[in-house]
Protein backbone atom coordinates (compact mmCIF):
# COMPACT_ATOMS: atom_id res chain seq x y z
CA UNK A 1 0.00 0.00 0.00
CA UNK A 2 1.47 3.30 -1.06
CA UNK A 3 1.01 5.80 1.77
CA UNK A 4 3.37 8.50 0.57
CA UNK A 5 1.70 11.94 0.76
CA UNK A 6 -1.72 10.32 1.08
CA UNK A 7 -4.10 10.82 3.97
CA UNK A 8 -5.98 7.55 4.48
CA UNK A 9 -8.80 9.20 6.41
CA UNK A 10 -9.55 11.74 3.70
CA UNK A 11 -8.00 11.37 0.24
CA UNK A 12 -9.55 13.64 -2.37
CA UNK A 13 -8.51 13.56 -6.04
CA UNK A 14 -7.70 16.86 -7.74
CA UNK A 15 -10.36 16.16 -10.36
CA UNK A 16 -12.96 16.87 -7.72
CA UNK A 17 -12.18 20.59 -7.89
CA UNK A 18 -14.13 22.79 -10.24
CA UNK A 19 -12.32 25.00 -12.72
CA UNK A 20 -12.68 28.51 -11.43
CA UNK A 21 -9.18 29.93 -11.98
CA UNK A 22 -10.31 32.70 -14.31
CA UNK A 23 -12.97 33.91 -11.90
CA UNK A 24 -10.48 34.20 -9.03
CA UNK A 25 -7.77 35.96 -11.01
CA UNK A 26 -6.15 38.37 -8.59
CA UNK A 27 -6.68 42.09 -8.94
CA UNK A 28 -4.61 44.74 -7.25
CA UNK A 29 -6.39 45.43 -3.98
CA UNK A 30 -6.60 48.62 -1.97
CA UNK A 31 -6.17 48.25 1.81
CA UNK A 32 -9.63 49.75 2.44
CA UNK A 33 -12.67 50.39 0.27
CA UNK A 34 -12.45 53.72 -1.53
CA UNK A 35 -15.38 55.67 -2.98
CA UNK A 36 -14.10 57.88 -5.81
CA UNK A 37 -15.76 60.60 -7.87
CA UNK A 38 -14.19 61.18 -11.29
CA UNK A 39 -14.98 64.54 -12.90
CA UNK A 40 -14.41 63.95 -16.59
CA UNK A 41 -16.25 65.30 -19.64
CA UNK A 42 -14.56 63.28 -22.40
CA UNK A 43 -16.06 59.86 -23.22
CA UNK A 44 -12.80 58.39 -24.55
CA UNK A 45 -11.03 59.40 -21.37
CA UNK A 46 -13.78 57.78 -19.28
CA UNK A 47 -13.34 54.53 -21.22
CA UNK A 48 -9.56 54.57 -20.64
CA UNK A 49 -9.95 55.26 -16.93
CA UNK A 50 -12.63 52.60 -16.54
CA UNK A 51 -10.28 49.95 -17.96
CA UNK A 52 -7.72 50.90 -15.30
CA UNK A 53 -10.26 50.98 -12.46
CA UNK A 54 -11.47 47.49 -13.40
CA UNK A 55 -8.03 46.14 -12.46
CA UNK A 56 -8.40 47.36 -8.86
CA UNK A 57 -10.58 45.84 -6.14
CA UNK A 58 -12.01 47.65 -3.10
CA UNK A 59 -12.81 50.57 -5.38
CA UNK A 60 -16.15 52.17 -6.22
CA UNK A 61 -16.08 54.82 -8.98
CA UNK A 62 -18.70 57.24 -10.26
CA UNK A 63 -18.23 59.56 -13.24
CA UNK A 64 -19.63 63.07 -13.56
CA UNK A 65 -19.11 65.74 -16.21
CA UNK A 66 -19.07 68.50 -13.59
CA UNK A 67 -18.78 68.81 -9.85
CA UNK A 68 -22.11 67.85 -8.20
CA UNK A 69 -23.80 69.85 -5.48
CA UNK A 70 -23.28 67.00 -2.99
CA UNK A 71 -20.09 64.95 -2.94
CA UNK A 72 -19.44 64.27 0.75
CA UNK A 73 -20.16 60.54 0.21
CA UNK A 74 -16.85 60.22 -1.64
CA UNK A 75 -13.40 59.87 -0.10
CA UNK A 76 -11.46 61.08 -3.14
CA UNK A 77 -12.14 63.20 -6.22
CA UNK A 78 -10.19 62.69 -9.44
CA UNK A 79 -10.27 65.71 -11.73
CA UNK A 80 -9.43 64.86 -15.37
CA UNK A 81 -8.26 68.06 -17.07
CA UNK A 82 -8.43 68.82 -20.77
CA UNK A 83 -7.53 71.96 -22.74
CA UNK A 84 -11.12 73.19 -22.91
CA UNK A 85 -11.68 72.98 -19.17
CA UNK A 86 -11.60 76.59 -17.96
CA UNK A 87 -13.23 75.99 -14.55
CA UNK A 88 -10.51 73.77 -13.06
CA UNK A 89 -9.23 76.34 -10.62
CA UNK A 90 -12.70 77.03 -9.22
CA UNK A 91 -13.34 73.27 -8.87
CA UNK A 92 -10.03 72.74 -7.06
CA UNK A 93 -10.80 75.61 -4.70
CA UNK A 94 -14.30 74.28 -3.96
CA UNK A 95 -12.97 70.80 -3.23
CA UNK A 96 -10.27 72.24 -0.96
CA UNK A 97 -12.87 74.27 0.90
CA UNK A 98 -14.67 70.98 1.73
CA UNK A 99 -11.36 69.32 2.67
CA UNK A 100 -11.80 66.76 -0.10
CA UNK A 101 -8.62 64.88 -1.14
CA UNK A 102 -8.09 65.56 -4.85
CA UNK A 103 -6.03 64.02 -7.64
CA UNK A 104 -5.38 65.71 -11.00
CA UNK A 105 -5.01 63.82 -14.28
CA UNK A 106 -3.92 65.48 -17.50
CA UNK A 107 -1.21 66.38 -20.01
CA UNK A 108 0.13 69.87 -20.52
CA UNK A 109 -1.75 71.32 -17.57
CA UNK A 110 -1.51 75.11 -17.47
CA UNK A 111 0.92 76.63 -14.96
CA UNK A 112 -1.76 78.63 -13.13
CA UNK A 113 -3.81 75.45 -12.56
CA UNK A 114 -0.72 73.67 -11.22
CA UNK A 115 0.00 76.58 -8.86
CA UNK A 116 -3.59 76.46 -7.57
CA UNK A 117 -3.33 72.69 -7.13
CA UNK A 118 -0.06 72.93 -5.21
CA UNK A 119 -1.41 75.75 -3.06
CA UNK A 120 -4.34 73.57 -2.01
CA UNK A 121 -2.17 70.46 -1.48
CA UNK A 122 -3.66 68.08 -4.05
CA UNK A 123 -2.50 64.50 -3.56
CA UNK A 124 -0.77 64.20 -6.91
CA UNK A 125 -0.72 65.35 -10.54
CA UNK A 126 -0.47 62.42 -12.95
CA UNK A 127 0.07 62.68 -16.73
CA UNK A 128 -2.20 60.40 -18.78
CA UNK A 129 0.80 58.44 -20.05
CA UNK A 130 1.71 57.49 -16.47
CA UNK A 131 -1.76 56.41 -15.30
CA UNK A 132 -1.02 52.69 -15.51
CA UNK A 133 2.03 52.98 -13.24
CA UNK A 134 1.00 55.78 -10.89
CA UNK A 135 -2.79 55.58 -10.42
CA UNK A 136 -2.86 52.54 -8.14
CA UNK A 137 -0.05 53.94 -5.96
CA UNK A 138 -1.89 57.22 -5.42
CA UNK A 139 -5.18 55.44 -4.66
CA UNK A 140 -3.34 53.23 -2.14
CA UNK A 141 -1.90 56.34 -0.46
CA UNK A 142 -5.40 57.79 -0.16
CA UNK A 143 -6.76 54.52 1.24
CA UNK A 144 -3.95 54.34 3.81
CA UNK A 145 -4.78 57.86 4.97
CA UNK A 146 -8.33 56.67 5.66
CA UNK A 147 -7.04 53.68 7.61
CA UNK A 148 -5.10 56.01 9.92
CA UNK A 149 -8.30 57.69 11.07
CA UNK A 150 -10.75 54.78 11.14
CA UNK A 151 -10.99 51.43 12.85
CA UNK A 152 -11.73 48.60 10.42
CA UNK A 153 -13.67 45.59 11.69
CA UNK A 154 -12.28 42.17 10.77
CA UNK A 155 -14.61 39.73 8.98
CA UNK A 156 -14.83 36.10 10.13
CA UNK A 157 -16.75 33.74 7.87
CA UNK A 158 -18.30 30.59 9.33
CA UNK A 159 -18.77 27.93 6.65
CA UNK A 160 -20.17 24.41 6.69
CA UNK A 161 -17.62 21.89 5.52
CA UNK A 162 -20.68 19.88 4.51
CA UNK A 163 -24.28 21.08 4.40
CA UNK A 164 -26.07 20.55 7.70
CA UNK A 165 -22.96 20.55 9.91
CA UNK A 166 -24.36 23.38 12.08
CA UNK A 167 -22.66 26.58 10.87
CA UNK A 168 -25.77 28.72 11.41
CA UNK A 169 -26.20 27.46 14.97
CA UNK A 170 -22.49 28.02 15.69
CA UNK A 171 -22.63 31.53 14.16
CA UNK A 172 -25.61 32.51 16.32
CA UNK A 173 -23.93 31.21 19.48
CA UNK A 174 -20.59 32.85 18.71
CA UNK A 175 -22.29 36.17 18.00
CA UNK A 176 -24.54 36.31 21.04
CA UNK A 177 -22.01 34.98 23.55
CA UNK A 178 -19.20 37.26 22.29
CA UNK A 179 -21.56 40.25 22.51
CA UNK A 180 -22.18 39.34 26.15
CA UNK A 181 -18.48 38.93 26.88
CA UNK A 182 -17.36 42.30 25.54
CA UNK A 183 -18.79 45.77 24.79
CA UNK A 184 -17.70 45.76 21.13
CA UNK A 185 -20.22 46.40 18.35
CA UNK A 186 -20.65 42.98 16.73
CA UNK A 187 -22.51 42.34 13.47
CA UNK A 188 -23.94 39.06 12.20
CA UNK A 189 -24.53 38.90 8.45
CA UNK A 190 -26.80 36.11 7.26
CA UNK A 191 -25.39 35.22 3.85
CA UNK A 192 -27.45 32.03 3.59
CA UNK A 193 -29.55 33.10 0.59
CA UNK A 194 -31.47 29.82 0.65
CA UNK A 195 -32.94 29.70 4.15
CA UNK A 196 -31.83 32.81 6.05
CA UNK A 197 -32.43 31.36 9.51
CA UNK A 198 -30.34 33.57 11.83
CA UNK A 199 -33.21 35.93 12.70
CA UNK A 200 -35.36 33.00 13.84
CA UNK A 201 -32.45 31.38 15.71
CA UNK A 202 -31.89 34.59 17.69
CA UNK A 203 -35.60 35.33 18.13
CA UNK A 204 -35.21 38.66 16.33
CA UNK A 205 -37.85 40.19 14.07
CA UNK A 206 -36.11 41.55 10.99
CA UNK A 207 -37.77 44.20 8.83
CA UNK A 208 -34.73 45.08 6.75
CA UNK A 209 -32.70 42.54 4.80
CA UNK A 210 -29.42 42.11 2.95
CA UNK A 211 -31.11 42.58 -0.41
CA UNK A 212 -32.71 45.84 0.82
CA UNK A 213 -29.31 47.21 1.84
CA UNK A 214 -27.81 46.31 -1.54
CA UNK A 215 -30.73 47.97 -3.31
CA UNK A 216 -30.22 51.21 -1.33
CA UNK A 217 -26.42 51.21 -1.18
CA UNK A 218 -26.09 54.87 -2.20
CA UNK A 219 -28.41 56.02 0.60
CA UNK A 220 -26.53 54.25 3.38
CA UNK A 221 -24.38 56.72 5.27
CA UNK A 222 -22.75 55.96 8.65
CA UNK A 223 -25.95 56.63 10.58
CA UNK A 224 -28.10 54.52 8.25
CA UNK A 225 -25.63 51.62 8.31
CA UNK A 226 -26.07 51.27 12.06
CA UNK A 227 -29.81 51.89 12.19
CA UNK A 228 -30.81 49.61 9.31
CA UNK A 229 -29.98 46.38 11.14
CA UNK A 230 -31.99 44.48 13.70
CA UNK A 231 -30.31 45.11 17.04
CA UNK A 232 -30.13 43.65 20.53
CA UNK A 233 -27.79 45.64 22.78
CA UNK A 234 -24.35 45.54 21.07
CA UNK A 235 -25.28 42.71 18.68
CA UNK A 236 -26.65 43.66 15.25
CA UNK A 237 -28.06 41.38 12.56
CA UNK A 238 -28.35 41.95 8.82
CA UNK A 239 -30.81 39.20 8.00
CA UNK A 240 -31.46 37.40 4.73
CA UNK A 241 -34.80 36.53 3.21
CA UNK A 242 -35.49 32.87 2.51
CA UNK A 243 -34.77 31.92 -1.11
CA UNK A 244 -33.40 35.39 -1.85
CA UNK A 245 -31.15 33.87 -4.52
CA UNK A 246 -34.19 33.13 -6.71
CA UNK A 247 -34.94 36.82 -7.29
CA UNK A 248 -32.98 37.46 -10.46
CA UNK A 249 -33.68 41.19 -10.45
CA UNK A 250 -32.38 41.62 -6.90
CA UNK A 251 -29.37 39.44 -7.69
CA UNK A 252 -28.02 42.19 -9.95
CA UNK A 253 -27.43 44.32 -6.85
CA UNK A 254 -24.95 41.82 -5.39
CA UNK A 255 -22.31 43.66 -7.41
CA UNK A 256 -22.51 46.18 -4.53
CA UNK A 257 -21.83 43.55 -1.83
CA UNK A 258 -18.17 44.47 -1.38
CA UNK A 259 -19.06 48.16 -1.02
CA UNK A 260 -21.76 47.34 1.55
CA UNK A 261 -19.44 45.19 3.66
CA UNK A 262 -16.84 47.95 3.72
CA UNK A 263 -19.42 50.41 4.99
CA UNK A 264 -20.24 47.97 7.80
CA UNK A 265 -16.54 47.32 8.51
CA UNK A 266 -15.88 51.02 9.03
CA UNK A 267 -18.71 51.38 11.55
CA UNK A 268 -18.38 48.30 13.76
CA UNK A 269 -15.80 46.24 15.66
CA UNK A 270 -16.33 42.67 14.43
CA UNK A 271 -18.33 41.03 11.64
CA UNK A 272 -19.39 37.36 11.65
CA UNK A 273 -20.74 36.00 8.37
CA UNK A 274 -22.95 32.92 8.15
CA UNK A 275 -21.88 31.18 4.94
CA UNK A 276 -23.56 27.93 5.94
CA UNK A 277 -24.48 27.11 2.33
CA UNK A 278 -20.82 27.17 1.34
CA UNK A 279 -19.30 29.07 -1.56
CA UNK A 280 -21.86 30.81 -3.77
CA UNK A 281 -21.30 33.02 -6.80
CA UNK A 282 -23.40 35.84 -5.32
CA UNK A 283 -21.58 35.90 -1.97
CA UNK A 284 -18.02 35.14 -3.13
CA UNK A 285 -16.82 38.73 -2.46
CA UNK A 286 -17.18 37.90 1.24
CA UNK A 287 -14.32 35.43 0.89
CA UNK A 288 -11.82 38.07 -0.27
CA UNK A 289 -12.98 40.38 2.54
CA UNK A 290 -12.60 37.75 5.28
CA UNK A 291 -9.53 37.71 7.47
CA UNK A 292 -10.43 34.39 9.04
CA UNK A 293 -12.50 31.28 8.27
CA UNK A 294 -14.11 28.88 10.73
CA UNK A 295 -15.07 25.67 8.93
CA UNK A 296 -17.67 23.57 10.74
CA UNK A 297 -17.33 19.80 10.33
CA UNK A 298 -18.58 16.63 11.99
CA UNK A 299 -16.88 13.38 12.95
CA UNK A 300 -17.55 11.39 9.81
CA UNK A 301 -15.72 10.63 6.59
CA UNK A 302 -18.25 12.32 4.28
CA UNK A 303 -18.08 15.58 6.24
CA UNK A 304 -14.29 15.57 6.21
CA UNK A 305 -14.13 14.83 2.48
CA UNK A 306 -16.40 17.80 1.75
CA UNK A 307 -14.39 20.01 4.11
CA UNK A 308 -11.16 19.06 2.40
CA UNK A 309 -12.66 20.00 -0.98
CA UNK A 310 -13.69 23.37 0.48
CA UNK A 311 -10.23 24.00 1.92
CA UNK A 312 -8.65 23.17 -1.44
CA UNK A 313 -10.93 25.65 -3.17
CA UNK A 314 -10.10 28.35 -0.65
CA UNK A 315 -6.33 27.81 -0.62
CA UNK A 316 -5.52 26.64 -4.16
CA UNK A 317 -8.07 28.63 -6.17
CA UNK A 318 -8.86 31.68 -4.06
CA UNK A 319 -5.51 32.51 -2.46
CA UNK A 320 -6.58 31.98 1.17
CA UNK A 321 -3.69 31.12 3.49
CA UNK A 322 -4.12 28.02 5.65
CA UNK A 323 -3.16 30.19 8.62
CA UNK A 324 -6.52 31.94 8.15
CA UNK A 325 -8.49 28.68 8.51
CA UNK A 326 -9.59 27.03 11.74
CA UNK A 327 -11.82 24.02 12.24
CA UNK A 328 -14.80 23.59 14.57
CA UNK A 329 -15.88 19.99 15.11
CA UNK A 330 -19.57 20.29 15.91
CA UNK A 331 -21.46 17.56 17.81
CA UNK A 332 -18.14 16.10 18.89
CA UNK A 333 -18.27 12.87 20.86
CA UNK A 334 -15.45 11.07 22.64
CA UNK A 335 -17.32 7.83 21.92
CA UNK A 336 -16.39 8.17 18.25
CA UNK A 337 -12.94 6.63 18.59
CA UNK A 338 -12.13 5.92 14.92
CA UNK A 339 -11.91 9.67 14.07
CA UNK A 340 -10.11 11.69 16.72
CA UNK A 341 -9.35 15.41 16.76
CA UNK A 342 -5.79 14.56 15.84
CA UNK A 343 -7.03 12.54 12.84
CA UNK A 344 -9.02 15.57 11.70
CA UNK A 345 -5.94 17.81 11.97
CA UNK A 346 -3.93 15.39 9.85
CA UNK A 347 -6.72 14.84 7.32
CA UNK A 348 -7.45 18.52 6.72
CA UNK A 349 -3.86 19.73 7.28
CA UNK A 350 -5.14 22.43 9.64
CA UNK A 351 -3.50 22.72 13.06
CA UNK A 352 -6.14 24.81 14.85
CA UNK A 353 -9.12 22.60 15.73
CA UNK A 354 -11.86 23.39 18.27
CA UNK A 355 -14.88 21.30 19.20
CA UNK A 356 -18.41 21.67 20.49
CA UNK A 357 -19.77 18.62 22.32
CA UNK A 358 -22.63 16.57 20.99
CA UNK A 359 -25.99 17.64 22.40
CA UNK A 360 -28.36 17.61 19.46
CA UNK A 361 -31.44 17.90 21.64
CA UNK A 362 -30.14 21.06 23.30
CA UNK A 363 -29.08 22.61 19.97
CA UNK A 364 -32.44 21.79 18.41
CA UNK A 365 -34.40 23.28 21.30
CA UNK A 366 -32.23 26.43 21.24
CA UNK A 367 -32.97 26.93 17.55
CA UNK A 368 -36.68 26.23 17.99
CA UNK A 369 -37.00 28.64 20.93
CA UNK A 370 -34.82 31.31 19.34
CA UNK A 371 -32.68 31.77 22.44
CA UNK A 372 -29.34 29.95 21.99
CA UNK A 373 -27.49 31.83 24.71
CA UNK A 374 -30.19 31.38 27.35
CA UNK A 375 -30.22 27.65 26.71
CA UNK A 376 -26.50 27.22 26.35
CA UNK A 377 -25.81 28.77 29.73
CA UNK A 378 -27.74 25.86 31.22
CA UNK A 379 -25.21 23.53 29.63
CA UNK A 380 -21.92 24.68 31.11
CA UNK A 381 -19.85 22.32 28.99
CA UNK A 382 -21.01 23.65 25.61
CA UNK A 383 -21.05 27.24 26.84
CA UNK A 384 -17.44 26.85 27.98
CA UNK A 385 -16.44 25.36 24.61
CA UNK A 386 -18.00 28.27 22.71
CA UNK A 387 -16.19 30.71 25.01
CA UNK A 388 -12.90 28.90 24.32
CA UNK A 389 -13.38 29.41 20.58
CA UNK A 390 -14.17 33.10 21.07
CA UNK A 391 -11.23 33.81 23.35
CA UNK A 392 -8.73 31.99 21.12
CA UNK A 393 -10.01 32.80 17.63
CA UNK A 394 -11.60 36.25 17.84
CA UNK A 395 -9.42 39.39 17.48
CA UNK A 396 -11.24 41.32 20.21
CA UNK A 397 -10.26 42.25 23.75
CA UNK A 398 -12.36 41.17 26.67
CA UNK A 399 -12.54 43.11 29.91
CA UNK A 400 -10.65 41.55 32.77
CA UNK A 401 -12.83 40.01 35.42
CA UNK A 402 -12.65 41.70 38.78
CA UNK A 403 -10.96 39.48 41.38
CA UNK A 404 -13.35 38.08 43.96
CA UNK A 405 -12.71 37.67 47.68
CA UNK A 406 -11.17 34.19 47.45
CA UNK A 407 -8.93 35.00 44.51
CA UNK A 408 -7.48 37.93 46.44
CA UNK A 409 -6.71 35.66 49.40
CA UNK A 410 -5.15 32.90 47.32
CA UNK A 411 -3.34 35.18 44.87
CA UNK A 412 -5.62 34.75 41.85
CA UNK A 413 -5.57 37.35 39.13
Foldseek 3Di string as FASTA:
>chain_A
DDPPPAQPLAGDDPVVADDDQVVQPDAAEAPAAFEEEEQDQDPVVVVVVVVLVVRYPSYHYDYDPDDDPDDPVGQEYEYEDDPPDPCLLVVLVVCLVVVHAYEYEEPPDDPVSVVSCVVSPHQYYYYPVCCNPCVVVSVNVSSVVVCVVFAFAAEEEEEELDFPLQSLLLLLLLQVVVVVQAVFQEEEEEPPQAAFQNCLLQVFDAPAAPLNCLVPVVVDDLVNLVPNFTDDRSYTYHTHDHNNVVPVVSLVSLVCVSVSSSSVRRNTHYYYYYNHVADDPSPVVSLVRHQAYEYEAEQDSVSLNSNLNSVCCCVVRNPDDLVRYAYEHEQDDPVPPVCDPVSSCVSNVHDHYAYAHRDVVLSVVSSNVNNNVVSVVVVVRRSVSSVVCCVPPPPDDGDDDDDDPVCVVVVHD
